[in-house]
PDB file of N, CA and C in Angstrom:
ATOM      1  N   UNK A   1     -29.819  18.506 -94.584  1.00  0.00           N
ATOM      2  CA  UNK A   1     -29.034  19.013 -95.693  1.00  0.00           C
ATOM      3  C   UNK A   1     -29.985  19.409 -96.819  1.00  0.00           C
ATOM      4  N   UNK A   2     -29.794  20.597 -97.374  1.00  0.00           N
ATOM      5  CA  UNK A   2     -30.663  21.057 -98.453  1.00  0.00           C
ATOM      6  C   UNK A   2     -30.024  20.759 -99.806  1.00  0.00           C
ATOM      7  N   UNK A   3     -30.884  20.581-100.792  1.00  0.00           N
ATOM      8  CA  UNK A   3     -30.439  20.290-102.150  1.00  0.00           C
ATOM      9  C   UNK A   3     -30.527  21.583-102.965  1.00  0.00           C
ATOM     10  N   UNK A   4     -29.459  21.902-103.669  1.00  0.00           N
ATOM     11  CA  UNK A   4     -29.446  23.101-104.512  1.00  0.00           C
ATOM     12  C   UNK A   4     -30.028  22.724-105.868  1.00  0.00           C
ATOM     13  N   UNK A   5     -31.021  23.475-106.353  1.00  0.00           N
ATOM     14  CA  UNK A   5     -31.620  23.169-107.662  1.00  0.00           C
ATOM     15  C   UNK A   5     -30.579  23.199-108.792  1.00  0.00           C
ATOM     16  N   UNK A   6     -30.720  22.282-109.716  1.00  0.00           N
ATOM     17  CA  UNK A   6     -29.788  22.155-110.838  1.00  0.00           C
ATOM     18  C   UNK A   6     -29.632  23.460-111.596  1.00  0.00           C
ATOM     19  N   UNK A   7     -30.725  24.163-111.843  1.00  0.00           N
ATOM     20  CA  UNK A   7     -30.640  25.412-112.607  1.00  0.00           C
ATOM     21  C   UNK A   7     -29.834  26.470-111.866  1.00  0.00           C
ATOM     22  N   UNK A   8     -29.886  26.484-110.537  1.00  0.00           N
ATOM     23  CA  UNK A   8     -29.078  27.430-109.768  1.00  0.00           C
ATOM     24  C   UNK A   8     -27.594  27.123-109.926  1.00  0.00           C
ATOM     25  N   UNK A   9     -27.247  25.851-109.850  1.00  0.00           N
ATOM     26  CA  UNK A   9     -25.854  25.444-110.021  1.00  0.00           C
ATOM     27  C   UNK A   9     -25.387  25.777-111.433  1.00  0.00           C
ATOM     28  N   UNK A  10     -26.218  25.454-112.413  1.00  0.00           N
ATOM     29  CA  UNK A  10     -25.871  25.729-113.807  1.00  0.00           C
ATOM     30  C   UNK A  10     -25.643  27.222-114.018  1.00  0.00           C
ATOM     31  N   UNK A  11     -26.524  28.048-113.498  1.00  0.00           N
ATOM     32  CA  UNK A  11     -26.382  29.488-113.647  1.00  0.00           C
ATOM     33  C   UNK A  11     -25.108  30.007-113.001  1.00  0.00           C
ATOM     34  N   UNK A  12     -24.779  29.497-111.828  1.00  0.00           N
ATOM     35  CA  UNK A  12     -23.561  29.927-111.147  1.00  0.00           C
ATOM     36  C   UNK A  12     -22.313  29.477-111.908  1.00  0.00           C
ATOM     37  N   UNK A  13     -22.316  28.261-112.426  1.00  0.00           N
ATOM     38  CA  UNK A  13     -21.172  27.764-113.209  1.00  0.00           C
ATOM     39  C   UNK A  13     -21.000  28.574-114.496  1.00  0.00           C
ATOM     40  N   UNK A  14     -22.096  28.837-115.169  1.00  0.00           N
ATOM     41  CA  UNK A  14     -22.044  29.605-116.405  1.00  0.00           C
ATOM     42  C   UNK A  14     -21.548  31.021-116.123  1.00  0.00           C
ATOM     43  N   UNK A  15     -22.022  31.625-115.057  1.00  0.00           N
ATOM     44  CA  UNK A  15     -21.567  32.965-114.693  1.00  0.00           C
ATOM     45  C   UNK A  15     -20.066  32.959-114.389  1.00  0.00           C
ATOM     46  N   UNK A  16     -19.607  31.989-113.616  1.00  0.00           N
ATOM     47  CA  UNK A  16     -18.177  31.908-113.290  1.00  0.00           C
ATOM     48  C   UNK A  16     -17.335  31.729-114.547  1.00  0.00           C
ATOM     49  N   UNK A  17     -17.765  30.855-115.434  1.00  0.00           N
ATOM     50  CA  UNK A  17     -17.026  30.611-116.676  1.00  0.00           C
ATOM     51  C   UNK A  17     -16.917  31.880-117.505  1.00  0.00           C
ATOM     52  N   UNK A  18     -18.041  32.595-117.666  1.00  0.00           N
ATOM     53  CA  UNK A  18     -18.029  33.778-118.521  1.00  0.00           C
ATOM     54  C   UNK A  18     -17.274  34.937-117.872  1.00  0.00           C
ATOM     55  N   UNK A  19     -17.041  34.874-116.572  1.00  0.00           N
ATOM     56  CA  UNK A  19     -16.195  35.872-115.919  1.00  0.00           C
ATOM     57  C   UNK A  19     -14.718  35.592-116.176  1.00  0.00           C
ATOM     58  N   UNK A  20     -14.365  34.324-116.327  1.00  0.00           N
ATOM     59  CA  UNK A  20     -12.970  33.924-116.559  1.00  0.00           C
ATOM     60  C   UNK A  20     -12.588  33.913-118.031  1.00  0.00           C
ATOM     61  N   UNK A  21     -13.527  33.555-118.873  1.00  0.00           N
ATOM     62  CA  UNK A  21     -13.268  33.421-120.309  1.00  0.00           C
ATOM     63  C   UNK A  21     -14.163  34.420-121.047  1.00  0.00           C
ATOM     64  N   UNK A  22     -13.559  35.341-121.795  1.00  0.00           N
ATOM     65  CA  UNK A  22     -14.370  36.364-122.475  1.00  0.00           C
ATOM     66  C   UNK A  22     -15.072  35.808-123.720  1.00  0.00           C
ATOM     67  N   UNK A  23     -16.247  35.265-123.525  1.00  0.00           N
ATOM     68  CA  UNK A  23     -17.022  34.705-124.634  1.00  0.00           C
ATOM     69  C   UNK A  23     -18.284  35.523-124.839  1.00  0.00           C
ATOM     70  N   UNK A  24     -18.769  35.540-126.068  1.00  0.00           N
ATOM     71  CA  UNK A  24     -20.014  36.251-126.337  1.00  0.00           C
ATOM     72  C   UNK A  24     -21.225  35.331-126.169  1.00  0.00           C
ATOM     73  N   UNK A  25     -21.013  34.036-126.336  1.00  0.00           N
ATOM     74  CA  UNK A  25     -22.104  33.073-126.191  1.00  0.00           C
ATOM     75  C   UNK A  25     -21.579  31.802-125.521  1.00  0.00           C
ATOM     76  N   UNK A  26     -22.425  31.200-124.714  1.00  0.00           N
ATOM     77  CA  UNK A  26     -22.039  29.950-124.050  1.00  0.00           C
ATOM     78  C   UNK A  26     -23.306  29.227-123.602  1.00  0.00           C
ATOM     79  N   UNK A  27     -23.152  27.943-123.363  1.00  0.00           N
ATOM     80  CA  UNK A  27     -24.250  27.139-122.827  1.00  0.00           C
ATOM     81  C   UNK A  27     -23.689  26.188-121.779  1.00  0.00           C
ATOM     82  N   UNK A  28     -24.458  25.969-120.750  1.00  0.00           N
ATOM     83  CA  UNK A  28     -24.125  25.004-119.701  1.00  0.00           C
ATOM     84  C   UNK A  28     -25.287  24.027-119.655  1.00  0.00           C
ATOM     85  N   UNK A  29     -24.979  22.748-119.447  1.00  0.00           N
ATOM     86  CA  UNK A  29     -26.044  21.753-119.431  1.00  0.00           C
ATOM     87  C   UNK A  29     -25.658  20.566-118.574  1.00  0.00           C
ATOM     88  N   UNK A  30     -26.646  19.812-118.189  1.00  0.00           N
ATOM     89  CA  UNK A  30     -26.451  18.553-117.469  1.00  0.00           C
ATOM     90  C   UNK A  30     -26.419  17.428-118.493  1.00  0.00           C
ATOM     91  N   UNK A  31     -25.820  16.319-118.105  1.00  0.00           N
ATOM     92  CA  UNK A  31     -25.722  15.148-118.981  1.00  0.00           C
ATOM     93  C   UNK A  31     -26.330  13.960-118.242  1.00  0.00           C
ATOM     94  N   UNK A  32     -27.268  13.265-118.900  1.00  0.00           N
ATOM     95  CA  UNK A  32     -27.906  12.115-118.263  1.00  0.00           C
ATOM     96  C   UNK A  32     -27.104  10.832-118.503  1.00  0.00           C
ATOM     97  N   UNK A  33     -27.599   9.742-117.997  1.00  0.00           N
ATOM     98  CA  UNK A  33     -26.887   8.455-118.108  1.00  0.00           C
ATOM     99  C   UNK A  33     -26.771   7.952-119.540  1.00  0.00           C
ATOM    100  N   UNK A  34     -27.629   8.454-120.431  1.00  0.00           N
ATOM    101  CA  UNK A  34     -27.551   8.078-121.850  1.00  0.00           C
ATOM    102  C   UNK A  34     -26.675   9.056-122.630  1.00  0.00           C
ATOM    103  N   UNK A  35     -25.956   9.912-121.896  1.00  0.00           N
ATOM    104  CA  UNK A  35     -25.047  10.913-122.464  1.00  0.00           C
ATOM    105  C   UNK A  35     -25.764  11.928-123.350  1.00  0.00           C
ATOM    106  N   UNK A  36     -26.992  12.254-122.953  1.00  0.00           N
ATOM    107  CA  UNK A  36     -27.766  13.287-123.630  1.00  0.00           C
ATOM    108  C   UNK A  36     -27.741  14.561-122.792  1.00  0.00           C
ATOM    109  N   UNK A  37     -27.450  15.683-123.435  1.00  0.00           N
ATOM    110  CA  UNK A  37     -27.454  16.974-122.751  1.00  0.00           C
ATOM    111  C   UNK A  37     -28.893  17.422-122.506  1.00  0.00           C
ATOM    112  N   UNK A  38     -29.130  18.049-121.360  1.00  0.00           N
ATOM    113  CA  UNK A  38     -30.470  18.561-121.029  1.00  0.00           C
ATOM    114  C   UNK A  38     -30.341  19.701-120.029  1.00  0.00           C
ATOM    115  N   UNK A  39     -31.426  20.373-119.751  1.00  0.00           N
ATOM    116  CA  UNK A  39     -31.467  21.492-118.794  1.00  0.00           C
ATOM    117  C   UNK A  39     -30.437  22.569-119.135  1.00  0.00           C
ATOM    118  N   UNK A  40     -30.536  23.097-120.332  1.00  0.00           N
ATOM    119  CA  UNK A  40     -29.585  24.097-120.818  1.00  0.00           C
ATOM    120  C   UNK A  40     -29.776  25.439-120.117  1.00  0.00           C
ATOM    121  N   UNK A  41     -28.662  26.075-119.781  1.00  0.00           N
ATOM    122  CA  UNK A  41     -28.630  27.471-119.355  1.00  0.00           C
ATOM    123  C   UNK A  41     -27.824  28.209-120.411  1.00  0.00           C
ATOM    124  N   UNK A  42     -28.360  29.309-120.910  1.00  0.00           N
ATOM    125  CA  UNK A  42     -27.737  30.008-122.032  1.00  0.00           C
ATOM    126  C   UNK A  42     -27.185  31.365-121.606  1.00  0.00           C
ATOM    127  N   UNK A  43     -26.096  31.760-122.255  1.00  0.00           N
ATOM    128  CA  UNK A  43     -25.491  33.070-122.045  1.00  0.00           C
ATOM    129  C   UNK A  43     -25.294  33.724-123.408  1.00  0.00           C
ATOM    130  N   UNK A  44     -25.957  34.842-123.633  1.00  0.00           N
ATOM    131  CA  UNK A  44     -25.741  35.622-124.841  1.00  0.00           C
ATOM    132  C   UNK A  44     -26.347  35.056-126.115  1.00  0.00           C
ATOM    133  N   UNK A  45     -27.235  34.115-126.005  1.00  0.00           N
ATOM    134  CA  UNK A  45     -27.875  33.593-127.215  1.00  0.00           C
ATOM    135  C   UNK A  45     -29.373  33.457-126.996  1.00  0.00           C
ATOM    136  N   UNK A  46     -30.098  33.652-128.074  1.00  0.00           N
ATOM    137  CA  UNK A  46     -31.555  33.562-128.008  1.00  0.00           C
ATOM    138  C   UNK A  46     -31.995  32.103-127.983  1.00  0.00           C
ATOM    139  N   UNK A  47     -33.198  31.906-127.540  1.00  0.00           N
ATOM    140  CA  UNK A  47     -33.781  30.567-127.570  1.00  0.00           C
ATOM    141  C   UNK A  47     -33.870  30.035-128.990  1.00  0.00           C
ATOM    142  N   UNK A  48     -34.145  30.935-129.958  1.00  0.00           N
ATOM    143  CA  UNK A  48     -34.233  30.517-131.365  1.00  0.00           C
ATOM    144  C   UNK A  48     -32.889  30.023-131.878  1.00  0.00           C
ATOM    145  N   UNK A  49     -31.830  30.729-131.510  1.00  0.00           N
ATOM    146  CA  UNK A  49     -30.487  30.312-131.937  1.00  0.00           C
ATOM    147  C   UNK A  49     -30.142  28.953-131.349  1.00  0.00           C
ATOM    148  N   UNK A  50     -30.481  28.754-130.084  1.00  0.00           N
ATOM    149  CA  UNK A  50     -30.190  27.480-129.440  1.00  0.00           C
ATOM    150  C   UNK A  50     -31.013  26.353-130.065  1.00  0.00           C
ATOM    151  N   UNK A  51     -32.270  26.611-130.362  1.00  0.00           N
ATOM    152  CA  UNK A  51     -33.120  25.605-131.002  1.00  0.00           C
ATOM    153  C   UNK A  51     -32.562  25.231-132.370  1.00  0.00           C
ATOM    154  N   UNK A  52     -32.058  26.228-133.120  1.00  0.00           N
ATOM    155  CA  UNK A  52     -31.446  25.974-134.423  1.00  0.00           C
ATOM    156  C   UNK A  52     -30.234  25.056-134.278  1.00  0.00           C
ATOM    157  N   UNK A  53     -29.407  25.314-133.250  1.00  0.00           N
ATOM    158  CA  UNK A  53     -28.258  24.438-132.978  1.00  0.00           C
ATOM    159  C   UNK A  53     -28.746  23.013-132.680  1.00  0.00           C
ATOM    160  N   UNK A  54     -29.704  22.885-131.786  1.00  0.00           N
ATOM    161  CA  UNK A  54     -30.193  21.552-131.406  1.00  0.00           C
ATOM    162  C   UNK A  54     -30.775  20.805-132.599  1.00  0.00           C
ATOM    163  N   UNK A  55     -31.526  21.507-133.437  1.00  0.00           N
ATOM    164  CA  UNK A  55     -32.198  20.871-134.564  1.00  0.00           C
ATOM    165  C   UNK A  55     -31.270  20.557-135.735  1.00  0.00           C
ATOM    166  N   UNK A  56     -30.234  21.367-135.950  1.00  0.00           N
ATOM    167  CA  UNK A  56     -29.449  21.247-137.184  1.00  0.00           C
ATOM    168  C   UNK A  56     -27.964  20.945-137.017  1.00  0.00           C
ATOM    169  N   UNK A  57     -27.380  21.304-135.889  1.00  0.00           N
ATOM    170  CA  UNK A  57     -25.921  21.220-135.783  1.00  0.00           C
ATOM    171  C   UNK A  57     -25.413  20.331-134.660  1.00  0.00           C
ATOM    172  N   UNK A  58     -26.220  20.060-133.663  1.00  0.00           N
ATOM    173  CA  UNK A  58     -25.746  19.293-132.512  1.00  0.00           C
ATOM    174  C   UNK A  58     -25.137  17.953-132.924  1.00  0.00           C
ATOM    175  N   UNK A  59     -25.720  17.306-133.914  1.00  0.00           N
ATOM    176  CA  UNK A  59     -25.221  15.989-134.327  1.00  0.00           C
ATOM    177  C   UNK A  59     -23.780  16.038-134.821  1.00  0.00           C
ATOM    178  N   UNK A  60     -23.301  17.209-135.250  1.00  0.00           N
ATOM    179  CA  UNK A  60     -21.943  17.351-135.764  1.00  0.00           C
ATOM    180  C   UNK A  60     -20.972  17.923-134.735  1.00  0.00           C
ATOM    181  N   UNK A  61     -21.449  18.283-133.564  1.00  0.00           N
ATOM    182  CA  UNK A  61     -20.638  18.932-132.542  1.00  0.00           C
ATOM    183  C   UNK A  61     -19.663  17.934-131.917  1.00  0.00           C
ATOM    184  N   UNK A  62     -18.346  18.157-132.065  1.00  0.00           N
ATOM    185  CA  UNK A  62     -17.377  17.218-131.494  1.00  0.00           C
ATOM    186  C   UNK A  62     -17.378  17.224-129.974  1.00  0.00           C
ATOM    187  N   UNK A  63     -17.959  18.244-129.351  1.00  0.00           N
ATOM    188  CA  UNK A  63     -18.005  18.300-127.894  1.00  0.00           C
ATOM    189  C   UNK A  63     -19.317  17.770-127.326  1.00  0.00           C
ATOM    190  N   UNK A  64     -20.157  17.205-128.171  1.00  0.00           N
ATOM    191  CA  UNK A  64     -21.381  16.573-127.696  1.00  0.00           C
ATOM    192  C   UNK A  64     -20.981  15.430-126.757  1.00  0.00           C
ATOM    193  N   UNK A  65     -21.605  15.309-125.594  1.00  0.00           N
ATOM    194  CA  UNK A  65     -21.158  14.329-124.592  1.00  0.00           C
ATOM    195  C   UNK A  65     -20.933  12.913-125.123  1.00  0.00           C
ATOM    196  N   UNK A  66     -21.843  12.387-125.923  1.00  0.00           N
ATOM    197  CA  UNK A  66     -21.653  10.994-126.366  1.00  0.00           C
ATOM    198  C   UNK A  66     -20.480  10.877-127.332  1.00  0.00           C
ATOM    199  N   UNK A  67     -20.185  11.925-128.100  1.00  0.00           N
ATOM    200  CA  UNK A  67     -19.013  11.889-128.978  1.00  0.00           C
ATOM    201  C   UNK A  67     -17.738  11.902-128.155  1.00  0.00           C
ATOM    202  N   UNK A  68     -17.703  12.711-127.140  1.00  0.00           N
ATOM    203  CA  UNK A  68     -16.529  12.766-126.263  1.00  0.00           C
ATOM    204  C   UNK A  68     -16.290  11.417-125.600  1.00  0.00           C
ATOM    205  N   UNK A  69     -17.349  10.817-125.091  1.00  0.00           N
ATOM    206  CA  UNK A  69     -17.216   9.545-124.388  1.00  0.00           C
ATOM    207  C   UNK A  69     -16.766   8.426-125.315  1.00  0.00           C
ATOM    208  N   UNK A  70     -17.308   8.383-126.523  1.00  0.00           N
ATOM    209  CA  UNK A  70     -16.961   7.283-127.418  1.00  0.00           C
ATOM    210  C   UNK A  70     -15.563   7.434-127.996  1.00  0.00           C
ATOM    211  N   UNK A  71     -15.121   8.657-128.222  1.00  0.00           N
ATOM    212  CA  UNK A  71     -13.812   8.889-128.825  1.00  0.00           C
ATOM    213  C   UNK A  71     -12.686   8.927-127.802  1.00  0.00           C
ATOM    214  N   UNK A  72     -12.993   9.318-126.584  1.00  0.00           N
ATOM    215  CA  UNK A  72     -11.953   9.561-125.598  1.00  0.00           C
ATOM    216  C   UNK A  72     -12.067   8.626-124.399  1.00  0.00           C
ATOM    217  N   UNK A  73     -12.641   7.470-124.581  1.00  0.00           N
ATOM    218  CA  UNK A  73     -12.841   6.558-123.452  1.00  0.00           C
ATOM    219  C   UNK A  73     -11.522   6.367-122.708  1.00  0.00           C
ATOM    220  N   UNK A  74     -11.557   6.677-121.436  1.00  0.00           N
ATOM    221  CA  UNK A  74     -10.378   6.513-120.604  1.00  0.00           C
ATOM    222  C   UNK A  74      -9.447   7.712-120.605  1.00  0.00           C
ATOM    223  N   UNK A  75      -9.665   8.688-121.459  1.00  0.00           N
ATOM    224  CA  UNK A  75      -8.825   9.883-121.474  1.00  0.00           C
ATOM    225  C   UNK A  75      -9.674  11.050-121.011  1.00  0.00           C
ATOM    226  N   UNK A  76      -9.096  11.971-120.272  1.00  0.00           N
ATOM    227  CA  UNK A  76      -9.857  13.013-119.624  1.00  0.00           C
ATOM    228  C   UNK A  76     -10.262  14.201-120.461  1.00  0.00           C
ATOM    229  N   UNK A  77      -9.495  14.600-121.439  1.00  0.00           N
ATOM    230  CA  UNK A  77      -9.776  15.850-122.143  1.00  0.00           C
ATOM    231  C   UNK A  77     -10.123  15.604-123.605  1.00  0.00           C
ATOM    232  N   UNK A  78     -10.738  16.581-124.200  1.00  0.00           N
ATOM    233  CA  UNK A  78     -11.062  16.544-125.618  1.00  0.00           C
ATOM    234  C   UNK A  78     -10.072  17.443-126.336  1.00  0.00           C
ATOM    235  N   UNK A  79      -9.502  16.954-127.409  1.00  0.00           N
ATOM    236  CA  UNK A  79      -8.506  17.739-128.120  1.00  0.00           C
ATOM    237  C   UNK A  79      -8.898  18.002-129.555  1.00  0.00           C
ATOM    238  N   UNK A  80      -8.058  18.757-130.264  1.00  0.00           N
ATOM    239  CA  UNK A  80      -8.323  19.032-131.677  1.00  0.00           C
ATOM    240  C   UNK A  80      -8.472  17.728-132.470  1.00  0.00           C
ATOM    241  N   UNK A  81      -9.387  17.724-133.378  1.00  0.00           N
ATOM    242  CA  UNK A  81      -9.594  16.541-134.216  1.00  0.00           C
ATOM    243  C   UNK A  81     -10.475  15.477-133.579  1.00  0.00           C
ATOM    244  N   UNK A  82     -10.994  15.749-132.389  1.00  0.00           N
ATOM    245  CA  UNK A  82     -11.853  14.768-131.722  1.00  0.00           C
ATOM    246  C   UNK A  82     -13.310  15.018-132.077  1.00  0.00           C
ATOM    247  N   UNK A  83     -13.623  14.846-133.348  1.00  0.00           N
ATOM    248  CA  UNK A  83     -14.996  15.024-133.809  1.00  0.00           C
ATOM    249  C   UNK A  83     -15.787  13.761-133.639  1.00  0.00           C
ATOM    250  N   UNK A  84     -17.005  13.766-134.150  1.00  0.00           N
ATOM    251  CA  UNK A  84     -17.826  12.557-134.056  1.00  0.00           C
ATOM    252  C   UNK A  84     -17.186  11.422-134.845  1.00  0.00           C
ATOM    253  N   UNK A  85     -17.453  10.189-134.450  1.00  0.00           N
ATOM    254  CA  UNK A  85     -16.897   9.050-135.182  1.00  0.00           C
ATOM    255  C   UNK A  85     -17.319   9.097-136.647  1.00  0.00           C
ATOM    256  N   UNK A  86     -16.428   8.681-137.531  1.00  0.00           N
ATOM    257  CA  UNK A  86     -16.716   8.670-138.962  1.00  0.00           C
ATOM    258  C   UNK A  86     -17.823   7.672-139.262  1.00  0.00           C
ATOM    259  N   UNK A  87     -18.671   8.030-140.203  1.00  0.00           N
ATOM    260  CA  UNK A  87     -19.748   7.134-140.619  1.00  0.00           C
ATOM    261  C   UNK A  87     -19.148   5.938-141.378  1.00  0.00           C
ATOM    262  N   UNK A  88     -19.740   4.790-141.176  1.00  0.00           N
ATOM    263  CA  UNK A  88     -19.230   3.573-141.833  1.00  0.00           C
ATOM    264  C   UNK A  88     -19.748   3.464-143.243  1.00  0.00           C
TER     265      UNK A  88
END
């Protein structure tokens, strides 16, 4: 049995998504056991734009994997208002 490289799978998933949903920009990524996104595949955005997101905005993204897991434990989907947990 052969193993398909992660980047090939990511590229195919991103291509399928952008064929179904008319978006100008998108990113696909893997999530590790610490709920950190990695191995990004980008659609319609420059590396500089993505780096700016990672450096300045990712911490506020309600769809960041660890935010989803902590807010929606036991529930499958992310809905409106499911942002990062409020600071204490």
